[in-house]
N, C-alpha and C. Protein backbone atom coordinates (compact mmCIF):
# COMPACT_ATOMS: atom_id res chain seq x y z
N MET A 1 -58.96 70.04 -13.62
CA MET A 1 -58.62 71.13 -12.72
C MET A 1 -59.67 71.26 -11.61
N LYS A 2 -60.95 71.12 -11.96
CA LYS A 2 -61.99 71.25 -10.94
C LYS A 2 -61.84 70.20 -9.86
N GLU A 3 -61.51 68.99 -10.27
CA GLU A 3 -61.37 67.91 -9.28
C GLU A 3 -60.21 68.20 -8.33
N ARG A 4 -59.12 68.72 -8.86
CA ARG A 4 -57.97 69.05 -8.00
C ARG A 4 -58.32 70.19 -7.06
N ILE A 5 -59.06 71.17 -7.55
CA ILE A 5 -59.48 72.27 -6.68
C ILE A 5 -60.37 71.74 -5.56
N LYS A 6 -61.26 70.83 -5.88
CA LYS A 6 -62.11 70.21 -4.85
C LYS A 6 -61.25 69.50 -3.81
N GLU A 7 -60.23 68.77 -4.28
CA GLU A 7 -59.35 68.06 -3.36
C GLU A 7 -58.61 69.04 -2.44
N ILE A 8 -58.17 70.14 -3.01
CA ILE A 8 -57.47 71.15 -2.21
C ILE A 8 -58.40 71.75 -1.17
N ILE A 9 -59.66 71.98 -1.54
CA ILE A 9 -60.64 72.48 -0.57
C ILE A 9 -60.77 71.48 0.57
N GLY A 10 -60.85 70.20 0.24
CA GLY A 10 -60.92 69.15 1.26
C GLY A 10 -59.71 69.15 2.17
N GLU A 11 -58.52 69.38 1.58
CA GLU A 11 -57.28 69.44 2.37
C GLU A 11 -57.30 70.63 3.33
N VAL A 12 -57.70 71.79 2.81
CA VAL A 12 -57.72 73.02 3.61
C VAL A 12 -58.71 72.88 4.77
N LEU A 13 -59.84 72.25 4.50
CA LEU A 13 -60.85 72.08 5.54
C LEU A 13 -60.60 70.84 6.39
N ASP A 14 -59.56 70.09 6.04
CA ASP A 14 -59.24 68.83 6.73
C ASP A 14 -60.46 67.89 6.72
N ASN A 15 -61.10 67.83 5.56
CA ASN A 15 -62.29 67.02 5.39
C ASN A 15 -62.34 66.51 3.94
N PRO A 16 -61.63 65.43 3.64
CA PRO A 16 -61.57 64.95 2.25
C PRO A 16 -62.93 64.53 1.68
N THR A 17 -63.89 64.17 2.52
CA THR A 17 -65.19 63.73 2.00
C THR A 17 -66.06 64.90 1.55
N ILE A 18 -65.66 66.12 1.87
CA ILE A 18 -66.46 67.28 1.46
C ILE A 18 -66.50 67.41 -0.05
N THR A 19 -65.51 66.86 -0.74
CA THR A 19 -65.48 66.94 -2.20
C THR A 19 -66.73 66.31 -2.82
N GLU A 20 -67.32 65.35 -2.15
CA GLU A 20 -68.53 64.70 -2.65
C GLU A 20 -69.72 65.65 -2.64
N ARG A 21 -69.68 66.67 -1.81
CA ARG A 21 -70.78 67.64 -1.70
C ARG A 21 -70.63 68.82 -2.64
N ILE A 22 -69.49 68.94 -3.29
CA ILE A 22 -69.22 70.09 -4.15
C ILE A 22 -69.58 69.75 -5.60
N ASP A 23 -70.51 70.52 -6.16
CA ASP A 23 -70.80 70.41 -7.59
C ASP A 23 -70.57 71.78 -8.24
N GLU A 24 -70.92 71.90 -9.50
CA GLU A 24 -70.64 73.13 -10.25
C GLU A 24 -71.24 74.37 -9.62
N ASN A 25 -72.35 74.21 -8.92
CA ASN A 25 -73.08 75.37 -8.39
C ASN A 25 -72.93 75.57 -6.89
N THR A 26 -72.12 74.78 -6.24
CA THR A 26 -71.94 74.91 -4.80
C THR A 26 -71.30 76.24 -4.46
N ASP A 27 -71.94 77.00 -3.61
CA ASP A 27 -71.39 78.27 -3.14
C ASP A 27 -70.32 77.95 -2.10
N LEU A 28 -69.07 78.24 -2.45
CA LEU A 28 -67.95 77.85 -1.59
C LEU A 28 -67.94 78.61 -0.26
N LEU A 29 -68.51 79.78 -0.23
CA LEU A 29 -68.56 80.54 1.02
C LEU A 29 -69.68 80.07 1.92
N HIS A 30 -70.87 79.98 1.38
CA HIS A 30 -72.05 79.71 2.21
C HIS A 30 -72.37 78.23 2.36
N ASP A 31 -72.20 77.45 1.30
CA ASP A 31 -72.53 76.02 1.37
C ASP A 31 -71.42 75.19 2.00
N ILE A 32 -70.19 75.57 1.75
CA ILE A 32 -69.05 74.81 2.28
C ILE A 32 -68.54 75.42 3.58
N GLY A 33 -68.72 76.72 3.74
CA GLY A 33 -68.34 77.36 4.99
C GLY A 33 -66.89 77.79 5.07
N LEU A 34 -66.33 78.22 3.95
CA LEU A 34 -64.98 78.75 4.00
C LEU A 34 -64.99 80.06 4.79
N ASP A 35 -64.05 80.19 5.72
CA ASP A 35 -63.92 81.45 6.44
C ASP A 35 -62.65 82.14 5.97
N SER A 36 -62.35 83.28 6.55
CA SER A 36 -61.22 84.08 6.06
C SER A 36 -59.89 83.32 6.13
N LEU A 37 -59.66 82.58 7.18
CA LEU A 37 -58.40 81.83 7.30
C LEU A 37 -58.33 80.70 6.28
N THR A 38 -59.41 79.98 6.10
CA THR A 38 -59.38 78.88 5.12
C THR A 38 -59.31 79.42 3.70
N ILE A 39 -59.87 80.59 3.45
CA ILE A 39 -59.76 81.19 2.12
C ILE A 39 -58.31 81.53 1.82
N ILE A 40 -57.62 82.10 2.78
CA ILE A 40 -56.20 82.43 2.59
C ILE A 40 -55.39 81.15 2.33
N ASN A 41 -55.63 80.12 3.14
CA ASN A 41 -54.92 78.86 2.95
C ASN A 41 -55.25 78.24 1.59
N LEU A 42 -56.51 78.32 1.19
CA LEU A 42 -56.92 77.80 -0.10
C LEU A 42 -56.19 78.51 -1.23
N ILE A 43 -56.17 79.82 -1.18
CA ILE A 43 -55.53 80.59 -2.24
C ILE A 43 -54.03 80.30 -2.29
N LEU A 44 -53.38 80.19 -1.15
CA LEU A 44 -51.95 79.87 -1.13
C LEU A 44 -51.68 78.50 -1.75
N LYS A 45 -52.51 77.53 -1.43
CA LYS A 45 -52.34 76.19 -2.01
C LYS A 45 -52.63 76.19 -3.51
N ILE A 46 -53.63 76.94 -3.92
CA ILE A 46 -53.95 77.05 -5.36
C ILE A 46 -52.79 77.69 -6.11
N GLU A 47 -52.21 78.73 -5.52
CA GLU A 47 -51.06 79.38 -6.16
C GLU A 47 -49.92 78.39 -6.36
N ASP A 48 -49.63 77.59 -5.34
CA ASP A 48 -48.55 76.60 -5.45
C ASP A 48 -48.88 75.51 -6.45
N GLU A 49 -50.10 75.01 -6.39
CA GLU A 49 -50.50 73.89 -7.24
C GLU A 49 -50.50 74.25 -8.72
N PHE A 50 -51.04 75.42 -9.04
CA PHE A 50 -51.22 75.79 -10.44
C PHE A 50 -50.23 76.86 -10.92
N GLU A 51 -49.28 77.19 -10.06
CA GLU A 51 -48.23 78.15 -10.39
C GLU A 51 -48.82 79.46 -10.93
N VAL A 52 -49.74 80.00 -10.16
CA VAL A 52 -50.35 81.29 -10.49
C VAL A 52 -50.14 82.23 -9.32
N GLU A 53 -50.33 83.51 -9.58
CA GLU A 53 -50.26 84.49 -8.51
C GLU A 53 -51.61 85.19 -8.42
N ILE A 54 -52.18 85.16 -7.23
CA ILE A 54 -53.48 85.79 -7.01
C ILE A 54 -53.27 87.02 -6.14
N ASP A 55 -53.68 88.14 -6.66
CA ASP A 55 -53.56 89.41 -5.94
C ASP A 55 -54.76 89.54 -5.00
N PHE A 56 -54.50 89.51 -3.70
CA PHE A 56 -55.58 89.58 -2.71
C PHE A 56 -56.37 90.88 -2.83
N GLU A 57 -55.73 91.94 -3.30
CA GLU A 57 -56.41 93.22 -3.46
C GLU A 57 -57.42 93.16 -4.61
N GLU A 58 -57.12 92.35 -5.61
CA GLU A 58 -57.96 92.24 -6.79
C GLU A 58 -59.02 91.14 -6.65
N PHE A 59 -58.70 90.12 -5.88
CA PHE A 59 -59.57 88.95 -5.74
C PHE A 59 -60.87 89.32 -5.04
N ASP A 60 -61.99 89.11 -5.71
CA ASP A 60 -63.31 89.42 -5.16
C ASP A 60 -63.93 88.13 -4.62
N ILE A 61 -63.88 87.97 -3.31
CA ILE A 61 -64.36 86.75 -2.67
C ILE A 61 -65.81 86.49 -3.01
N ASP A 62 -66.65 87.51 -2.93
CA ASP A 62 -68.08 87.34 -3.18
C ASP A 62 -68.38 86.96 -4.63
N GLU A 63 -67.51 87.32 -5.54
CA GLU A 63 -67.72 86.99 -6.95
C GLU A 63 -67.02 85.69 -7.34
N ASN A 64 -65.77 85.54 -6.94
CA ASN A 64 -64.97 84.42 -7.41
C ASN A 64 -65.17 83.12 -6.65
N LEU A 65 -65.82 83.16 -5.51
CA LEU A 65 -66.07 81.93 -4.76
C LEU A 65 -67.56 81.56 -4.72
N THR A 66 -68.32 82.08 -5.68
CA THR A 66 -69.74 81.75 -5.71
C THR A 66 -70.00 80.33 -6.17
N SER A 67 -69.04 79.74 -6.90
CA SER A 67 -69.18 78.35 -7.35
C SER A 67 -67.81 77.82 -7.74
N ILE A 68 -67.71 76.51 -7.83
CA ILE A 68 -66.45 75.89 -8.25
C ILE A 68 -66.15 76.28 -9.70
N ASP A 69 -67.20 76.42 -10.52
CA ASP A 69 -67.00 76.84 -11.91
C ASP A 69 -66.42 78.24 -11.98
N GLU A 70 -66.96 79.14 -11.18
CA GLU A 70 -66.48 80.53 -11.17
C GLU A 70 -65.03 80.59 -10.68
N PHE A 71 -64.73 79.84 -9.63
CA PHE A 71 -63.37 79.84 -9.09
C PHE A 71 -62.40 79.23 -10.10
N THR A 72 -62.79 78.17 -10.76
CA THR A 72 -61.95 77.54 -11.78
C THR A 72 -61.69 78.51 -12.93
N SER A 73 -62.71 79.20 -13.36
CA SER A 73 -62.55 80.19 -14.44
C SER A 73 -61.57 81.28 -14.03
N TYR A 74 -61.69 81.71 -12.78
CA TYR A 74 -60.77 82.75 -12.28
C TYR A 74 -59.33 82.24 -12.30
N ILE A 75 -59.11 81.03 -11.83
CA ILE A 75 -57.76 80.46 -11.80
C ILE A 75 -57.21 80.34 -13.22
N LYS A 76 -58.03 79.87 -14.14
CA LYS A 76 -57.60 79.73 -15.53
C LYS A 76 -57.22 81.09 -16.12
N SER A 77 -57.93 82.13 -15.74
CA SER A 77 -57.62 83.47 -16.26
C SER A 77 -56.26 83.97 -15.76
N LYS A 78 -55.77 83.40 -14.67
CA LYS A 78 -54.48 83.81 -14.11
C LYS A 78 -53.31 82.99 -14.65
N MET A 79 -53.62 81.97 -15.40
CA MET A 79 -52.57 81.09 -15.92
C MET A 79 -51.97 81.65 -17.20
């Protein structure tokens, strides 16, 4: 699942090689540079890929995008 999430991040950022820079502790907001538009696109793609529904009102960007591990855990909790 983590590898697919990394691939989706690369797709959203239109930079497939960025996946090589993402490890368990990479801060997706500050280290990768996701902005509000790419976050929305990322979440929409994640919803489609993993057939989950993410409530934007509930989703805490500062908490759930602190690392790929944290984001993966969040997605798994929605499955």
